[in-house]
Each structure stands twice: as structure tokens, then as C-alpha cells.
Protein backbone atom coordinates (compact mmCIF):
# COMPACT_ATOMS: atom_id res chain seq x y z
CA MET A 1 9.51 61.36 220.75
CA ASN A 2 12.05 63.94 222.45
CA VAL A 3 14.43 66.15 220.43
CA GLN A 4 17.44 67.22 221.85
CA GLN A 5 18.17 71.08 220.61
CA ILE A 6 21.68 71.36 219.98
CA ASP A 7 23.02 74.65 219.52
CA LEU A 8 26.25 74.20 216.63
CA SER A 9 26.83 78.17 216.23
CA ARG A 10 30.40 78.28 215.77
CA ARG A 11 30.71 80.65 218.65
CA ARG A 12 29.34 77.86 221.01
CA VAL A 13 30.96 74.91 219.52
CA LEU A 14 34.13 76.88 220.51
CA GLN A 15 33.20 77.57 223.93
CA SER A 16 32.56 74.02 224.30
CA GLY A 17 35.06 71.90 226.52
CA ALA A 18 35.78 68.56 223.96
CA LEU A 19 36.95 69.77 220.32
CA THR A 20 38.29 68.86 217.30
CA ILE A 21 38.07 70.47 214.21
CA ALA A 22 39.07 68.97 210.90
CA PHE A 23 39.95 70.99 207.56
CA LEU A 24 40.00 69.32 204.37
CA TRP A 25 42.13 71.83 202.01
CA CYS A 26 45.01 72.01 199.14
CA ALA A 27 48.12 73.53 199.95
CA GLY A 28 51.63 73.19 197.06
CA GLY A 29 54.09 71.64 199.04
CA ARG A 30 57.22 74.66 199.54
CA THR A 31 61.19 73.48 199.97
CA ALA A 32 63.72 76.15 201.23
CA ARG A 33 65.62 77.83 199.22
CA GLY A 34 67.71 79.35 201.98
CA ALA A 35 67.43 81.69 204.93
CA ILE A 36 67.75 84.96 205.90
CA ASN A 37 70.71 85.29 208.20
CA ALA A 38 71.91 88.42 210.33
CA ARG A 39 75.63 87.06 209.74
CA ARG A 40 77.85 88.21 206.95
CA GLN A 41 76.29 86.06 203.56
CA PRO A 42 77.95 84.93 200.34
CA GLY A 43 76.48 88.14 198.21
CA ASP A 44 76.31 90.64 201.42
CA ALA A 45 79.25 92.47 199.65
CA ALA A 46 78.01 92.28 196.39
CA ALA A 47 74.08 93.60 197.79
CA ALA A 48 76.66 96.95 199.39
CA ALA A 49 77.76 97.65 196.04
CA ALA A 50 74.90 98.08 194.96
CA ASP A 51 73.34 99.77 197.38
CA GLY A 52 76.15 102.37 197.32
CA ASN A 53 78.72 100.84 199.14
CA PRO A 54 77.68 102.53 202.31
CA PRO A 55 81.00 102.00 205.26
CA PHE A 56 78.95 99.88 207.67
CA ALA A 57 77.38 96.71 205.53
CA PRO A 58 77.26 94.07 208.60
CA ASN A 59 74.60 92.15 207.07
CA ALA A 60 72.41 92.11 204.46
CA PHE A 61 69.55 94.52 206.71
CA VAL A 62 71.30 97.06 207.54
CA ARG A 63 73.29 100.02 206.29
CA ILE A 64 74.11 103.05 208.52
CA ASP A 65 76.31 105.61 205.57
CA ALA A 66 79.38 107.82 206.92
CA ASP A 67 76.61 110.52 208.31
CA GLY A 68 75.34 108.24 210.22
CA ALA A 69 71.78 107.57 208.70
CA ILE A 70 70.82 104.48 209.22
CA ARG A 71 68.70 102.05 206.48
CA LEU A 72 66.84 98.77 207.11
CA VAL A 73 66.69 96.87 203.56
CA MET A 74 63.43 95.06 204.06
CA PRO A 75 62.70 91.80 203.18
CA ASN A 76 58.98 91.03 202.93
CA VAL A 77 56.99 93.96 201.27
CA GLU A 78 54.48 96.73 203.25
CA MET A 79 51.31 96.06 201.34
CA GLY A 80 49.38 97.60 204.71
CA GLN A 81 49.74 95.17 207.20
CA GLY A 82 52.32 96.80 209.24
CA ILE A 83 55.53 94.94 209.15
CA TYR A 84 57.13 98.52 208.18
CA THR A 85 57.15 99.54 211.51
CA GLY A 86 57.01 96.03 213.09
CA ALA A 87 60.29 95.21 211.38
CA CYS A 88 61.63 98.68 212.42
CA MET A 89 60.45 97.96 216.39
CA LEU A 90 62.87 94.90 216.44
CA LEU A 91 65.71 96.07 214.42
CA ALA A 92 65.47 99.54 216.46
CA GLU A 93 65.10 97.16 219.82
CA GLU A 94 68.31 95.73 219.62
CA LEU A 95 70.11 98.58 218.25
CA ASP A 96 69.42 100.54 221.02
CA VAL A 97 67.76 103.82 218.22
CA GLY A 98 64.30 105.15 217.70
CA LEU A 99 61.82 104.47 215.05
CA ASP A 100 62.47 107.91 213.81
CA GLN A 101 65.79 107.13 212.90
CA ILE A 102 65.43 104.52 210.70
CA ARG A 103 64.76 104.90 207.12
CA VAL A 104 63.17 102.05 205.31
CA GLU A 105 63.95 100.61 201.83
CA HIS A 106 62.88 98.11 199.67
CA ALA A 107 64.89 95.01 199.47
CA PRO A 108 66.22 93.22 195.96
CA PRO A 109 65.27 90.19 194.50
CA ASN A 110 67.68 87.86 195.94
CA ASP A 111 66.54 84.65 197.17
CA ALA A 112 70.03 83.72 198.31
CA LEU A 113 69.75 86.45 201.18
CA TYR A 114 66.05 87.67 202.13
CA ALA A 115 64.27 83.88 201.15
CA LEU A 116 61.84 82.77 204.09
CA PRO A 117 62.19 78.60 204.56
CA LEU A 118 58.88 78.24 205.57
CA LEU A 119 57.70 80.00 201.86
CA GLY A 120 60.48 79.02 199.98
CA GLY A 121 61.93 81.86 198.22
CA GLN A 122 61.35 85.65 199.28
CA ILE A 123 57.91 85.75 199.44
CA THR A 124 55.88 88.41 201.39
CA GLY A 125 52.70 85.88 202.26
CA GLY A 126 51.04 83.23 204.99
CA SER A 127 51.13 85.75 207.65
CA LEU A 128 54.94 84.89 208.43
CA SER A 129 56.59 88.08 208.19
CA THR A 130 56.58 88.71 212.06
CA ARG A 131 57.36 85.47 212.81
CA SER A 132 60.46 84.57 210.16
CA GLN A 133 61.45 88.04 211.16
CA TRP A 134 61.39 88.09 214.81
CA GLN A 135 64.84 86.38 215.63
CA VAL A 136 66.52 87.61 212.56
CA LEU A 137 66.13 91.33 212.53
CA ARG A 138 66.93 91.37 216.28
CA GLU A 139 69.69 89.46 215.78
CA ALA A 140 71.36 92.02 212.70
CA GLY A 141 70.69 94.92 215.17
CA ALA A 142 72.65 93.35 218.19
CA VAL A 143 75.25 92.24 215.21
CA ALA A 144 75.03 95.88 214.37
CA ARG A 145 75.55 97.32 217.95
CA THR A 146 77.77 95.03 219.49
CA LEU A 147 81.15 95.66 216.53
CA LEU A 148 79.55 99.58 216.87
CA VAL A 149 80.48 99.20 220.82
CA ALA A 150 83.68 96.77 220.14
CA ALA A 151 84.92 99.51 217.64
CA ALA A 152 84.10 102.46 220.76
CA ALA A 153 85.64 100.41 223.46
CA GLU A 154 89.44 99.93 221.25
CA ARG A 155 89.31 103.59 220.47
CA TRP A 156 89.09 104.17 223.68
CA ALA A 157 90.95 101.31 225.11
CA VAL A 158 88.04 99.84 227.61
CA ASP A 159 85.86 96.99 228.21
CA PRO A 160 83.02 97.00 226.03
CA SER A 161 81.12 95.76 229.23
CA THR A 162 80.78 99.25 230.56
CA CYS A 163 79.69 101.10 226.99
CA SER A 164 75.82 102.12 226.71
CA VAL A 165 74.14 102.84 223.25
CA GLU A 166 71.19 105.40 222.91
CA ARG A 167 69.54 107.14 220.16
CA GLY A 168 72.79 105.99 217.91
CA VAL A 169 75.66 107.11 219.90
CA VAL A 170 77.63 104.97 222.03
CA ALA A 171 79.21 106.49 225.68
CA HIS A 172 81.35 105.04 228.14
CA ALA A 173 79.82 106.82 231.62
CA GLY A 174 83.42 106.00 233.55
CA SER A 175 85.11 108.26 231.43
CA GLY A 176 82.04 110.80 229.98
CA ARG A 177 83.18 109.90 226.49
CA SER A 178 80.46 109.29 224.02
CA LEU A 179 80.67 109.05 219.87
CA ALA A 180 77.88 109.08 217.58
CA PHE A 181 77.08 105.86 215.07
CA ALA A 182 78.63 108.21 212.08
CA ALA A 183 82.28 108.79 214.18
CA LEU A 184 82.40 104.24 213.97
CA VAL A 185 80.92 103.20 210.97
CA LYS A 186 84.38 102.47 209.06
CA SER A 187 86.04 100.71 211.79
CA ALA A 188 83.06 99.01 213.00
CA GLY A 189 82.84 97.97 209.15
CA ALA A 190 86.48 96.83 208.94
CA ARG A 191 85.99 94.32 212.25
CA PRO A 192 85.45 90.46 212.28
CA MET A 193 81.88 89.22 212.79
CA PRO A 194 81.02 88.14 216.16
CA ASP A 195 80.96 84.81 217.79
CA LYS A 196 78.01 85.39 219.64
CA VAL A 197 75.52 88.26 220.95
CA VAL A 198 73.31 89.13 223.66
CA LEU A 199 69.60 90.13 222.79
CA LYS A 200 67.71 91.70 225.18
CA ASP A 201 65.77 90.62 227.47
CA VAL A 202 62.17 91.05 227.57
CA SER A 203 61.80 92.66 230.19
CA SER A 204 64.48 95.08 228.83
CA PHE A 205 62.39 96.57 225.88
CA THR A 206 61.21 99.91 225.26
CA LEU A 207 59.68 99.41 221.85
CA ILE A 208 58.51 95.72 221.16
CA GLY A 209 55.07 95.60 222.44
CA LYS A 210 54.61 98.87 223.34
CA PRO A 211 52.43 101.53 221.52
CA THR A 212 53.14 103.32 218.83
CA LEU A 213 52.34 105.27 215.37
CA ARG A 214 53.10 103.63 211.71
CA ILE A 215 56.71 104.84 210.25
CA ASP A 216 54.28 104.76 206.77
CA ALA A 217 51.00 106.24 208.28
CA PRO A 218 52.27 110.26 208.06
CA ASP A 219 53.29 110.17 204.06
CA LYS A 220 50.17 108.00 203.43
CA VAL A 221 48.43 110.86 204.86
CA ARG A 222 49.60 113.40 202.84
CA GLY A 223 49.83 111.42 199.43
CA ALA A 224 53.78 111.33 199.65
CA THR A 225 54.38 107.83 199.28
CA GLN A 226 55.18 106.33 196.23
CA PHE A 227 52.49 103.20 194.64
CA GLY A 228 53.01 100.97 191.60
CA ILE A 229 50.98 102.85 189.82
CA ASP A 230 52.45 106.27 191.22
CA VAL A 231 55.18 105.34 189.05
CA ARG A 232 56.71 107.65 185.97
CA VAL A 233 59.23 107.10 183.91
CA PRO A 234 60.25 109.51 180.67
CA GLY A 235 58.70 108.73 177.11
CA MET A 236 55.82 106.69 179.26
CA LYS A 237 52.94 104.73 177.19
CA VAL A 238 49.80 103.13 179.01
CA ALA A 239 48.11 99.89 179.03
CA THR A 240 44.91 99.31 179.75
CA VAL A 241 43.51 95.11 180.07
CA LEU A 242 40.43 93.74 179.89
CA ALA A 243 40.75 90.26 180.90
CA CYS A 244 38.40 87.02 179.82
CA PRO A 245 35.56 87.15 182.62
CA THR A 246 36.34 82.93 183.54
CA PHE A 247 38.74 81.87 184.48
CA GLY A 248 40.51 79.42 181.99
CA GLY A 249 38.42 81.29 179.18
CA LYS A 250 40.11 83.00 176.04
CA LEU A 251 39.80 85.94 174.07
CA ALA A 252 37.76 84.64 170.78
CA ALA A 253 37.83 87.70 168.63
CA VAL A 254 38.18 91.62 168.81
CA ASP A 255 37.39 94.49 166.71
CA GLY A 256 39.64 97.25 167.46
CA LYS A 257 39.44 99.74 164.40
CA HIS A 258 36.43 102.54 166.47
CA ALA A 259 39.38 102.27 169.64
CA ARG A 260 42.88 102.78 166.78
CA SER A 261 40.85 105.84 165.35
CA LEU A 262 40.85 107.36 168.74
CA PRO A 263 43.15 110.15 169.77
CA GLY A 264 46.17 108.54 171.77
CA VAL A 265 45.39 105.22 171.17
CA ILE A 266 48.51 103.77 169.93
CA ASP A 267 48.03 100.72 169.26
CA VAL A 268 45.49 97.07 170.32
CA ILE A 269 47.51 93.81 171.11
CA ARG A 270 46.10 91.03 171.98
CA ILE A 271 47.08 88.27 174.18
CA ASP A 272 46.03 84.51 174.84
CA ASN A 273 42.99 85.26 177.35
CA ALA A 274 42.51 89.18 177.17
CA VAL A 275 43.43 92.11 175.27
CA ALA A 276 45.60 95.80 176.07
CA VAL A 277 44.84 99.32 174.70
CA VAL A 278 48.09 101.16 174.19
CA GLY A 279 47.52 105.03 174.87
CA GLU A 280 49.49 108.46 174.98
CA HIS A 281 48.13 108.89 178.76
CA PHE A 282 45.49 106.66 180.38
CA TRP A 283 42.66 108.36 179.22
CA ALA A 284 43.20 107.59 175.80
CA ALA A 285 43.98 103.58 176.54
CA LYS A 286 40.81 103.59 178.46
CA GLN A 287 38.79 105.13 176.07
CA GLY A 288 40.41 103.14 173.31
CA LEU A 289 39.06 99.73 176.33
CA GLU A 290 36.15 101.04 176.14
CA ALA A 291 35.81 101.34 172.12
CA LEU A 292 36.77 97.63 171.15
CA ASP A 293 34.17 95.03 169.92
CA VAL A 294 35.39 91.74 172.17
CA GLN A 295 34.06 87.94 171.74
CA TRP A 296 35.07 85.81 174.79
CA ASP A 297 35.58 81.90 174.27
CA PRO A 298 34.52 80.89 177.91
CA GLY A 299 35.87 77.53 178.45
CA ALA A 300 35.24 75.44 180.95
CA ASN A 301 34.03 77.39 183.11
CA ALA A 302 31.61 79.17 181.31
CA ASP A 303 28.49 77.34 183.38
CA LEU A 304 30.32 77.56 186.80
CA THR A 305 28.08 78.95 189.57
CA THR A 306 29.23 79.29 193.53
CA ALA A 307 26.47 76.84 194.10
CA GLY A 308 28.01 74.57 191.99
CA LEU A 309 31.61 75.07 193.15
CA LEU A 310 30.71 74.77 196.78
CA GLU A 311 28.61 71.50 196.17
CA ALA A 312 32.10 70.28 194.19
CA LEU A 313 34.64 71.22 197.95
CA ALA A 314 31.26 69.71 199.76
CA ALA A 315 31.64 66.38 197.45
CA SER A 316 35.82 66.33 198.21
CA SER A 317 35.13 66.89 201.79
CA ARG A 318 33.33 63.83 202.16
CA SER A 319 35.15 61.72 199.80
CA GLY A 320 39.39 63.08 201.36
CA THR A 321 40.56 62.17 204.70
CA PRO A 322 40.19 66.22 206.91
CA ILE A 323 43.24 66.92 207.74
CA VAL A 324 42.98 67.59 212.47
CA GLY A 325 43.83 71.21 213.06
CA ARG A 326 43.75 70.70 217.10
CA GLU A 327 41.65 68.38 219.51
CA VAL A 328 40.66 69.36 222.43
CA GLY A 329 39.70 67.52 225.53
CA LYS A 330 38.32 63.87 226.05
CA ARG A 331 36.41 61.76 224.05
CA PRO A 332 33.65 60.84 226.02
CA ALA A 333 33.32 56.74 225.73
CA GLY A 334 29.91 56.05 225.60
CA GLY A 335 29.59 60.07 223.73
CA LYS A 336 27.96 60.49 220.23
CA PRO A 337 30.11 62.54 217.55
CA LEU A 338 28.16 65.56 216.54
CA GLU A 339 28.99 66.89 213.12
CA ALA A 340 28.09 70.44 211.63
CA VAL A 341 29.84 71.96 208.04
CA TYR A 342 30.53 76.25 208.29
CA VAL A 343 31.37 77.96 205.34
CA SER A 344 32.80 80.47 204.15
CA PRO A 345 31.82 83.04 201.71
CA MET A 346 33.19 83.53 198.15
CA LEU A 347 35.34 86.70 198.85
CA ALA A 348 37.05 88.71 196.19
CA HIS A 349 40.65 89.89 196.65
CA ALA A 350 39.63 92.84 195.43
CA THR A 351 42.73 95.71 196.48
CA MET A 352 42.43 99.59 196.60
CA GLU A 353 45.42 99.88 194.13
CA PRO A 354 45.16 98.53 190.12
CA LEU A 355 47.49 95.33 189.80
CA ASN A 356 49.90 97.47 187.61
CA THR A 357 53.32 97.08 185.94
CA THR A 358 55.56 99.90 185.03
CA VAL A 359 58.46 98.15 182.55
CA TRP A 360 61.68 99.97 180.62
CA VAL A 361 63.12 97.48 177.97
CA THR A 362 66.33 98.43 176.15
CA SER A 363 68.92 96.02 174.38
CA ASP A 364 70.54 95.23 177.13
CA LYS A 365 68.44 96.02 180.08
CA CYS A 366 65.08 95.70 181.29
CA GLU A 367 63.70 97.65 184.62
CA ILE A 368 60.41 96.74 186.63
CA TRP A 369 58.58 99.07 189.08
CA VAL A 370 55.97 96.95 190.39
CA GLY A 371 54.83 96.19 194.84
CA THR A 372 54.73 92.80 194.07
CA GLN A 373 54.73 89.94 196.59
CA VAL A 374 57.20 87.50 195.23
CA PRO A 375 60.00 89.88 193.61
CA THR A 376 62.04 87.17 192.37
CA ARG A 377 59.60 85.81 190.28
CA CYS A 378 59.28 89.54 188.37
CA VAL A 379 63.02 88.32 187.26
CA SER A 380 62.53 85.20 186.33
CA VAL A 381 59.01 86.39 183.87
CA ALA A 382 60.84 89.02 182.86
CA ALA A 383 64.08 87.27 181.81
CA LYS A 384 62.03 85.00 180.13
CA ILE A 385 60.11 87.11 177.71
CA THR A 386 62.79 89.67 177.26
CA GLY A 387 65.65 87.09 176.89
CA LEU A 388 67.85 89.12 178.82
CA PRO A 389 69.94 87.46 182.00
CA ALA A 390 68.60 87.49 185.11
CA GLU A 391 71.40 89.84 186.26
CA LYS A 392 70.35 92.45 183.21
CA ILE A 393 66.78 93.07 185.13
CA ILE A 394 66.09 95.77 187.63
CA VAL A 395 63.42 95.60 189.72
CA HIS A 396 61.94 98.05 191.97
CA ASN A 397 59.98 96.98 194.01
CA GLN A 398 57.00 99.62 195.53
CA TYR A 399 54.67 100.27 198.04
CA LEU A 400 51.27 98.07 197.70
CA GLY A 401 47.87 99.11 197.64
CA GLY A 402 47.14 96.53 199.65
CA GLY A 403 47.60 92.69 198.97
CA ARG A 404 45.06 89.78 199.35
CA ILE A 405 47.70 87.40 197.73
CA ARG A 406 47.29 89.00 194.09
CA ARG A 407 50.24 90.02 193.83
CA PRO A 408 52.65 87.23 193.32
CA SER A 409 54.84 88.63 189.98
CA THR A 410 54.57 90.91 187.18
CA GLY A 411 50.95 91.59 187.27
CA ARG A 412 50.01 89.48 184.01
CA ALA A 413 46.92 89.55 182.40
CA ARG A 414 44.05 86.60 184.00
């Protein structure tokens, strides 16, 4: 019997002519709750007031202070993917300034101003940051540039089209006059929004698509970047957490007598699926955690294995209807379909920076310092726990030491 050997390696299959790729997966639906906008929106005034009332705040993203300092209020978070550099390039390209002239700020939690329609909220994820910001941040820069040029042209009584901008300076070649942004921000900030703005043609790009250094690299190399775990507030205590080793398991019992006797240990706290030790400092909390005698109720997943999980996924694939991702080429009339299954290994969503949150609760407010992909979720969770209204929850988002889709909220034990 003749047996035809067929190479079904992933590389060979992707190189073949006719190809249908089908996926079976579970994805939760998302509903858009607003969309980022380069023009002024309801809520912009309050956001600008909370940001110190800069004289020029034409939209939710651009702030230019009286001294000409340019700030980008960044709706996405930086967790190693380089989005702060990419976003600065989009804004700087249309604002005609250098990357070195822009300082990035973490945006406050605000779905109304910073929600991504594809994700239904102010969320960093899905590899959507550049795609979602491409148009809006370029428009934000163009809006700001248009208003600043119009303010200069009005002062000089010239046509705005005869003015140019370079590194934060508006110039009029015909008269040799020029003004830095600092001299224009007050009058530009009082102008009405332009009906339309013109974005640069790709052929005119000087930053987008060009090699550049990451804006956050120097401080990271020097160790000057503050991540969530670096936060220190007066009187701060430190807690370490030991979570149940199985998903869905619970804490059955814990003996914390020895832990409580250690110097610096303040308390041992039981949680539904974890136990925490609070100490005067990290070392005390860590030593206390290691001194615990813990018993777990592993729950329904006590015997779950990687092999069993993969088999369950395979069974689901056989019984479900695959989703066709892309079909290339024509199916021959007399062709024979071939099928192959490719399996990726289970990967740990481990990050360089441990999950962490610093919380300071008083009678009238709750402040949170955390590196999170979903800052608005922090607000809702904290409001539920503390009983405070959402407007009394203050979130200070930080740089993330890695994300891996593991930093969606307030670092709850899982």
C-alpha cells in the first residue's frame, strides 16, 4: 500500500496555497461605554481642574502649562510594551514638537473620557493601544496645534496658513516673528474648537515610523522609575499573601500563633481563599507568612491536571463549531480535506513585579496606588469595600512591571 507523507508542521501549512484556519475559543462580549475624543467633552473641565487648571487643555489628552511644558495624559498604561513612546510619537508628530518636549502622565480613572469602544471601558489590553489611539492622539495634537497657530496669527493679523510650528514655537516667515507655546497658551485656551483639522500626510512624517529611543528607558536604567511596589506613604504597613494553590479552593484552617509572636508581625488575617500576614515592614510580614500552619480545601479542582485540561479543550473543540479565522485560496472540487491540531503549552502569566496595591483609607476618602490595566475597576471595587462614594476614591496609577493580563483591578488574592 502506498502511503503519501504529508508535512503538517505549522510552518509548512502556513506556506501552503489553500488554507482555512479555524479556532474554537471562548470570548466574553464587550459593550462600548463611550469613546475617546480629541475634541472637548463633558467632563473635560473637571478633569483639567483636577490637573491643576492648566491654561491650555483643549481635550482630555493635551496639557500645556504656563511655562510651555507639554504633558500627555495617557489613557493606556505602560507595562513594558512601549506604548508611552508610541503615543508620544503620535501626539508629537501632529503638534510639531520633539519627543523630549513631552512628559507623560498616567490618566485618572474616567470611562467617560478614556474608554476604548472595543473593550468597553478604560482598559489596556488586547494589543489595542496603538490601534485605538492612532487617530485620536493625532487629532488631539492637530487640534492643539491649530488653536495655538490661530492664536499667534490673530495676534500678528496674518493668515494662519502662513505660519509654521517647530519644537513648540509658532513662526511667521514673512515677518520674521515667532512665539513659543508659553506665550500663546492663555489665548489659545480661550478659543473655540476648530470645525476641522488637517492631519499630516504619511509622506510628511518625521517621527511616526522612524527609529527612536524609548522615552521611559533612561529612568528605568537608572532605577528612577516608580512602579506600584515602590510606593511608600507615611505609616505604611506591609501585608504578604498566601493564596490557595488550586483555583476555586478555600482556606480550611490556619494556625497563626507562632507568626503573631514574631517581632514586627501585627496580625494574621483570614481571607476566603487566602491568608495574609500584616507586618511593620516586608521582612516581618514575609517571616510571618512562612511561620503559618495552613490547611487548604482544594475544592473541585483538586485533581485537575494539564493533561486533563487539554483533553477537556479537545472534547469541546470536537463538539463545538469552529470559528473560521481566514480562508485563503480555492477549494479544489476533488480535493481531500486534511486536518491537524496544534497545541500551545500552558504558560504562567507571571510578571517581574509582584502583584501589589497600597491603600490608605480615612473617614472621608480612599487613596490607592497601584499599577493596573483597568483603573476604573479599582474605583468600583474600593467603593464597594469601603462604602465611600466613587468620587471619594482616588487612584494613582503607576508603571506596571509587566502585565500578562494579570493586573485588571486591585490585586485581590486569587
